[in-house]
N, C-alpha and C. Protein backbone atom coordinates (compact mmCIF):
# COMPACT_ATOMS: atom_id res chain seq x y z
N MET A 1 144.84 107.35 -85.23
CA MET A 1 145.72 107.57 -86.02
C MET A 1 144.87 107.31 -87.52
N ASN A 2 144.95 108.49 -88.27
CA ASN A 2 143.89 108.38 -89.42
C ASN A 2 145.05 107.80 -90.46
N ARG A 3 144.77 107.00 -91.36
CA ARG A 3 145.38 106.46 -92.63
C ARG A 3 144.67 107.17 -93.54
N PRO A 4 145.42 107.74 -94.60
CA PRO A 4 144.64 107.86 -96.25
C PRO A 4 143.94 106.70 -96.45
N MET A 5 143.05 106.83 -96.91
CA MET A 5 142.03 106.18 -97.83
C MET A 5 142.69 105.45 -99.21
N PRO A 6 142.79 104.31 -99.45
CA PRO A 6 143.65 103.88 -100.39
C PRO A 6 142.84 104.38 -102.17
N PHE A 7 143.80 104.62 -102.94
CA PHE A 7 143.02 104.59 -104.21
C PHE A 7 142.09 103.56 -104.47
N ASP A 8 141.20 103.70 -105.25
CA ASP A 8 140.08 102.20 -105.51
C ASP A 8 141.33 101.12 -106.39
N ASP A 9 142.11 101.32 -107.19
CA ASP A 9 142.99 100.65 -107.91
C ASP A 9 144.01 100.19 -106.87
N GLU A 10 144.29 100.71 -105.77
CA GLU A 10 145.30 100.24 -104.94
C GLU A 10 144.64 99.02 -103.74
N GLU A 11 143.06 99.41 -103.50
CA GLU A 11 142.54 98.36 -102.58
C GLU A 11 142.28 97.01 -103.49
N GLU A 12 141.80 97.22 -104.94
CA GLU A 12 141.54 96.36 -105.83
C GLU A 12 142.70 95.46 -105.84
N GLU A 13 144.05 96.00 -106.08
CA GLU A 13 145.19 95.06 -105.99
C GLU A 13 145.46 94.38 -104.73
N SER A 14 145.35 94.94 -103.66
CA SER A 14 145.77 94.46 -102.36
C SER A 14 144.32 92.97 -102.01
N ASN A 15 143.30 92.96 -102.57
CA ASN A 15 142.49 92.22 -102.84
C ASN A 15 142.56 90.86 -103.79
N LYS A 16 143.42 91.38 -104.52
CA LYS A 16 143.79 89.95 -105.55
C LYS A 16 144.31 88.89 -105.05
N ARG A 17 143.63 87.68 -105.62
CA ARG A 17 144.64 86.39 -104.85
C ARG A 17 145.60 86.10 -105.97
N ARG A 18 146.29 85.27 -105.80
CA ARG A 18 147.37 84.39 -106.68
C ARG A 18 146.52 83.71 -107.54
N GLU A 19 145.39 83.21 -107.16
CA GLU A 19 144.59 82.01 -108.44
C GLU A 19 143.73 82.25 -107.93
N ARG A 20 142.84 81.78 -109.16
CA ARG A 20 141.16 81.80 -109.00
C ARG A 20 140.64 80.78 -107.79
N ARG A 21 139.62 81.11 -107.11
CA ARG A 21 139.20 79.93 -106.27
C ARG A 21 137.70 80.25 -106.56
N TRP A 22 136.93 78.93 -106.52
CA TRP A 22 135.80 78.53 -106.75
C TRP A 22 134.77 78.41 -105.40
N ASN A 23 133.89 79.32 -105.34
CA ASN A 23 133.18 79.28 -103.71
C ASN A 23 132.03 78.46 -104.18
N ILE A 24 132.16 77.26 -104.33
CA ILE A 24 131.44 76.25 -104.70
C ILE A 24 131.21 75.01 -103.85
N PRO A 25 130.21 74.01 -103.58
CA PRO A 25 130.28 72.71 -102.85
C PRO A 25 130.73 71.83 -103.98
N VAL A 26 131.84 71.27 -103.95
CA VAL A 26 132.32 69.88 -104.81
C VAL A 26 132.29 68.85 -104.01
N GLN A 27 131.71 67.45 -104.43
CA GLN A 27 131.75 66.45 -103.33
C GLN A 27 133.31 65.96 -103.67
N VAL A 28 133.41 65.68 -102.53
CA VAL A 28 134.51 64.61 -102.29
C VAL A 28 134.92 63.33 -101.35
N THR A 29 136.18 63.03 -101.37
CA THR A 29 136.13 61.81 -100.14
C THR A 29 137.58 62.17 -99.93
N VAL A 30 137.65 62.05 -98.49
CA VAL A 30 138.92 62.13 -97.74
C VAL A 30 139.40 61.19 -97.37
N LYS A 31 140.60 60.60 -97.67
CA LYS A 31 140.98 59.44 -96.84
C LYS A 31 142.13 59.65 -96.37
N GLY A 32 142.65 59.15 -95.20
CA GLY A 32 143.67 59.37 -94.34
C GLY A 32 143.82 58.67 -93.05
N ALA A 33 144.34 59.06 -92.11
CA ALA A 33 144.54 58.29 -90.75
C ALA A 33 144.25 59.61 -89.50
N ARG A 34 143.68 59.45 -88.68
CA ARG A 34 143.58 60.73 -87.52
C ARG A 34 145.12 60.29 -87.09
N SER A 35 145.01 61.20 -85.52
CA SER A 35 146.11 61.26 -84.88
C SER A 35 146.38 60.22 -84.07
N ASP A 36 145.46 59.81 -83.79
CA ASP A 36 145.51 58.42 -82.63
C ASP A 36 145.59 57.19 -83.94
N GLY A 37 145.90 57.39 -85.13
CA GLY A 37 146.19 56.08 -86.01
C GLY A 37 145.35 55.44 -86.77
N THR A 38 143.95 55.61 -86.24
CA THR A 38 142.87 55.18 -86.97
C THR A 38 142.45 56.00 -88.27
N GLU A 39 142.08 54.90 -89.35
CA GLU A 39 142.29 55.32 -90.92
C GLU A 39 140.39 55.94 -90.73
N PHE A 40 140.48 56.48 -91.70
CA PHE A 40 139.15 57.16 -91.96
C PHE A 40 139.10 57.63 -93.53
N ASN A 41 137.58 57.53 -93.88
CA ASN A 41 137.18 57.81 -95.38
C ASN A 41 135.79 58.22 -95.25
N GLU A 42 136.01 59.51 -95.76
CA GLU A 42 134.60 60.63 -95.61
C GLU A 42 134.22 61.19 -96.59
N GLU A 43 132.93 61.15 -96.71
CA GLU A 43 132.44 61.80 -98.05
C GLU A 43 132.03 63.14 -97.63
N THR A 44 132.71 64.32 -98.42
CA THR A 44 131.72 65.71 -97.87
C THR A 44 131.95 66.65 -99.16
N ILE A 45 131.93 67.94 -98.52
CA ILE A 45 131.88 68.58 -99.43
C ILE A 45 132.91 70.06 -99.62
N THR A 46 133.28 70.57 -100.58
CA THR A 46 134.27 71.82 -100.42
C THR A 46 133.56 72.82 -99.96
N THR A 47 134.04 74.17 -99.44
CA THR A 47 133.19 75.32 -99.09
C THR A 47 134.17 76.06 -100.13
N ASP A 48 135.25 75.90 -100.35
CA ASP A 48 135.74 76.68 -101.35
C ASP A 48 136.99 75.71 -102.44
N ALA A 49 137.52 75.91 -103.43
CA ALA A 49 138.32 75.40 -103.86
C ALA A 49 139.31 76.14 -105.17
N SER A 50 140.40 75.68 -105.18
CA SER A 50 141.28 76.65 -106.01
C SER A 50 142.25 75.67 -106.96
N PRO A 51 143.54 76.06 -107.49
CA PRO A 51 144.13 74.90 -108.46
C PRO A 51 144.96 74.41 -107.32
N SER A 52 145.19 74.94 -105.95
CA SER A 52 146.64 74.64 -105.13
C SER A 52 146.05 73.99 -104.06
N GLY A 53 144.49 74.17 -103.57
CA GLY A 53 143.98 73.58 -102.40
C GLY A 53 142.71 73.54 -102.39
N MET A 54 141.77 72.76 -101.35
CA MET A 54 140.43 73.01 -101.15
C MET A 54 140.01 73.46 -99.63
N CYS A 55 139.22 73.90 -99.42
CA CYS A 55 138.79 74.18 -98.04
C CYS A 55 137.81 73.05 -97.63
N LEU A 56 137.74 72.01 -96.59
CA LEU A 56 136.72 70.83 -96.59
C LEU A 56 135.95 71.14 -95.39
N LEU A 57 134.64 70.26 -95.15
CA LEU A 57 133.94 70.36 -94.12
C LEU A 57 134.39 68.94 -93.94
N LEU A 58 134.54 68.57 -92.57
CA LEU A 58 134.67 67.23 -91.90
C LEU A 58 134.14 67.03 -90.43
N SER A 59 133.85 65.81 -90.10
CA SER A 59 133.48 65.70 -88.80
C SER A 59 134.36 65.68 -87.74
N PHE A 60 135.60 65.56 -87.84
CA PHE A 60 136.67 65.59 -86.86
C PHE A 60 137.88 66.37 -87.19
N PRO A 61 138.62 66.52 -86.14
CA PRO A 61 139.49 67.68 -86.83
C PRO A 61 140.47 66.90 -87.09
N LEU A 62 141.79 67.22 -88.11
CA LEU A 62 142.73 66.56 -88.52
C LEU A 62 144.22 67.50 -87.84
N GLU A 63 145.46 67.05 -87.75
CA GLU A 63 146.36 67.80 -87.64
C GLU A 63 147.01 68.53 -88.90
N LYS A 64 147.39 69.90 -88.27
CA LYS A 64 148.14 70.66 -89.21
C LYS A 64 149.40 69.61 -89.50
N GLY A 65 149.82 69.55 -91.00
CA GLY A 65 150.60 69.04 -91.44
C GLY A 65 150.47 67.26 -92.16
N GLY A 66 149.47 67.16 -91.62
CA GLY A 66 148.80 65.97 -91.76
C GLY A 66 148.77 65.23 -93.19
N ARG A 67 148.48 64.22 -93.58
CA ARG A 67 148.51 63.73 -95.25
C ARG A 67 147.25 63.01 -95.25
N VAL A 68 146.76 63.28 -96.17
CA VAL A 68 145.80 62.78 -96.58
C VAL A 68 145.15 62.50 -98.23
N THR A 69 144.35 61.90 -99.02
CA THR A 69 144.18 61.61 -100.18
C THR A 69 142.65 62.31 -100.45
N VAL A 70 142.70 63.12 -101.29
CA VAL A 70 141.33 64.25 -101.51
C VAL A 70 140.97 63.45 -103.34
N THR A 71 139.78 63.10 -103.20
CA THR A 71 139.24 62.60 -104.41
C THR A 71 137.73 63.24 -104.65
N ALA A 72 137.58 63.88 -106.03
CA ALA A 72 136.52 64.57 -106.34
C ALA A 72 136.03 63.94 -107.96
N PRO A 73 135.45 62.54 -107.62
CA PRO A 73 135.05 61.86 -108.84
C PRO A 73 134.18 62.61 -109.67
N GLU A 74 133.34 63.47 -109.79
CA GLU A 74 132.61 64.13 -110.53
C GLU A 74 133.64 65.28 -111.46
N GLU A 75 134.90 65.17 -110.90
CA GLU A 75 135.27 66.25 -111.36
C GLU A 75 136.67 65.26 -112.19
N GLY A 76 136.54 64.04 -112.02
CA GLY A 76 137.85 63.21 -112.19
C GLY A 76 139.18 63.72 -111.46
N PHE A 77 139.25 63.87 -110.56
CA PHE A 77 140.57 64.42 -109.98
C PHE A 77 140.79 63.86 -108.51
N GLU A 78 141.77 63.45 -108.24
CA GLU A 78 142.60 63.11 -107.15
C GLU A 78 143.92 63.28 -106.97
N SER A 79 144.25 63.15 -105.69
CA SER A 79 145.59 64.15 -105.50
C SER A 79 145.96 64.05 -103.65
N PRO A 80 147.19 63.30 -103.59
CA PRO A 80 147.65 63.54 -101.69
C PRO A 80 147.36 65.27 -101.48
N ALA A 81 147.31 65.16 -100.34
CA ALA A 81 147.34 66.73 -99.75
C ALA A 81 147.54 66.67 -98.46
N THR A 82 148.01 67.76 -98.31
CA THR A 82 148.59 68.34 -96.71
C THR A 82 147.72 69.45 -95.96
N VAL A 83 147.80 68.69 -94.88
CA VAL A 83 146.55 69.80 -93.93
C VAL A 83 147.51 71.20 -93.61
N SER A 84 146.69 72.25 -93.90
CA SER A 84 147.37 73.42 -93.47
C SER A 84 146.63 73.95 -92.59
N ILE A 85 145.39 74.09 -92.30
CA ILE A 85 144.66 74.88 -91.02
C ILE A 85 143.52 73.88 -91.07
N VAL A 86 143.51 74.16 -89.48
CA VAL A 86 141.71 73.30 -89.11
C VAL A 86 141.36 74.37 -88.47
N THR A 87 139.76 74.63 -88.82
CA THR A 87 139.20 75.72 -88.06
C THR A 87 138.04 74.89 -87.26
N PRO A 88 137.78 74.59 -86.04
CA PRO A 88 136.48 74.04 -85.69
C PRO A 88 135.32 74.78 -85.68
N LEU A 89 134.19 74.57 -86.39
CA LEU A 89 132.89 75.09 -86.47
C LEU A 89 132.11 74.97 -85.23
N GLY A 90 132.23 73.72 -84.53
CA GLY A 90 131.35 73.37 -83.59
C GLY A 90 131.28 71.58 -83.28
N PRO A 91 130.46 71.22 -82.70
CA PRO A 91 130.59 70.03 -82.14
C PRO A 91 130.51 68.77 -83.54
N ASN A 92 131.25 68.15 -83.90
CA ASN A 92 131.51 67.20 -84.90
C ASN A 92 131.44 67.97 -86.33
N MET A 93 132.18 69.19 -86.37
CA MET A 93 132.17 70.25 -87.69
C MET A 93 133.36 70.92 -87.55
N ASN A 94 134.08 70.58 -88.43
CA ASN A 94 135.50 71.41 -88.84
C ASN A 94 135.96 71.69 -90.23
N ARG A 95 136.28 73.06 -90.43
CA ARG A 95 136.53 73.37 -91.80
C ARG A 95 138.34 73.05 -91.61
N VAL A 96 138.66 72.38 -92.82
CA VAL A 96 140.07 71.66 -92.93
C VAL A 96 140.56 71.99 -94.28
N ARG A 97 141.41 73.03 -94.35
CA ARG A 97 142.17 73.63 -95.90
C ARG A 97 143.29 72.27 -95.73
N VAL A 98 143.30 71.82 -97.14
CA VAL A 98 144.39 71.14 -97.71
C VAL A 98 144.79 71.94 -98.84
N MET A 99 146.30 71.59 -98.82
CA MET A 99 147.38 72.05 -100.05
C MET A 99 147.79 71.09 -100.88
N PHE A 100 147.18 71.05 -102.13
CA PHE A 100 148.05 69.92 -103.54
C PHE A 100 149.39 69.93 -103.48
N PRO A 101 150.63 69.04 -103.87
CA PRO A 101 151.63 69.32 -104.36
C PRO A 101 151.62 70.01 -105.21
N GLN A 102 152.69 70.72 -105.97
CA GLN A 102 152.82 71.55 -106.99
C GLN A 102 152.50 71.03 -108.17
N ASP A 103 152.87 70.09 -108.26
CA ASP A 103 152.43 69.15 -109.88
C ASP A 103 151.21 68.52 -109.93
N LYS A 104 150.43 68.64 -108.96
CA LYS A 104 149.06 68.57 -109.14
C LYS A 104 147.84 69.46 -108.74
N ARG A 105 147.10 69.93 -109.60
CA ARG A 105 146.40 70.74 -109.92
C ARG A 105 144.82 70.82 -109.60
N PHE A 106 144.41 71.20 -109.43
CA PHE A 106 142.97 70.85 -109.70
C PHE A 106 142.40 72.28 -110.40
N SER A 107 141.21 71.20 -111.36
CA SER A 107 140.78 71.84 -112.40
C SER A 107 139.20 72.11 -112.69
N ARG A 108 138.16 73.02 -112.91
CA ARG A 108 137.03 72.64 -112.91
C ARG A 108 136.93 72.49 -114.14
N GLU A 109 137.75 72.39 -115.24
CA GLU A 109 137.51 72.39 -116.82
C GLU A 109 137.07 70.89 -116.98
N SER A 110 137.52 69.83 -116.20
CA SER A 110 137.14 68.54 -116.19
C SER A 110 136.04 68.20 -115.70
N ALA A 111 135.32 69.15 -114.93
CA ALA A 111 133.95 68.72 -114.73
C ALA A 111 132.85 68.77 -115.66
N PRO A 112 131.71 67.81 -115.64
CA PRO A 112 130.73 67.60 -116.56
C PRO A 112 129.63 69.05 -116.42
N ARG A 113 129.37 69.62 -117.36
CA ARG A 113 128.52 70.32 -117.36
C ARG A 113 127.14 70.07 -116.97
N LYS A 114 126.53 70.69 -116.01
CA LYS A 114 125.14 69.95 -115.16
C LYS A 114 124.04 70.82 -115.83
N TYR A 115 124.14 71.80 -116.69
CA TYR A 115 123.43 72.67 -117.23
C TYR A 115 123.08 73.11 -118.52
């Protein structure tokens, strides 16, 4: 079945995000406990970040709904977070999306300028 093509402004409207997303690596430390109860503390980077959450690369999977603490020292940011999506990328590599509580928002404004 052929669908009519949307007008440019309709397509643009459907692709808008609710909030700004930065597709940049941010150095973070993630602390928490694995599903077996062992604690971890892993330094990693983000694949993207937004005010309400981040997508992290971790060497092991976490469970959806799990709780972690995310610290971005260069950004002056620390917050508890909840795991919302886990995507295996290969051996020892997982993309983990975390969401921050409503009262915590990540902002690039506190980051020092490197240029």
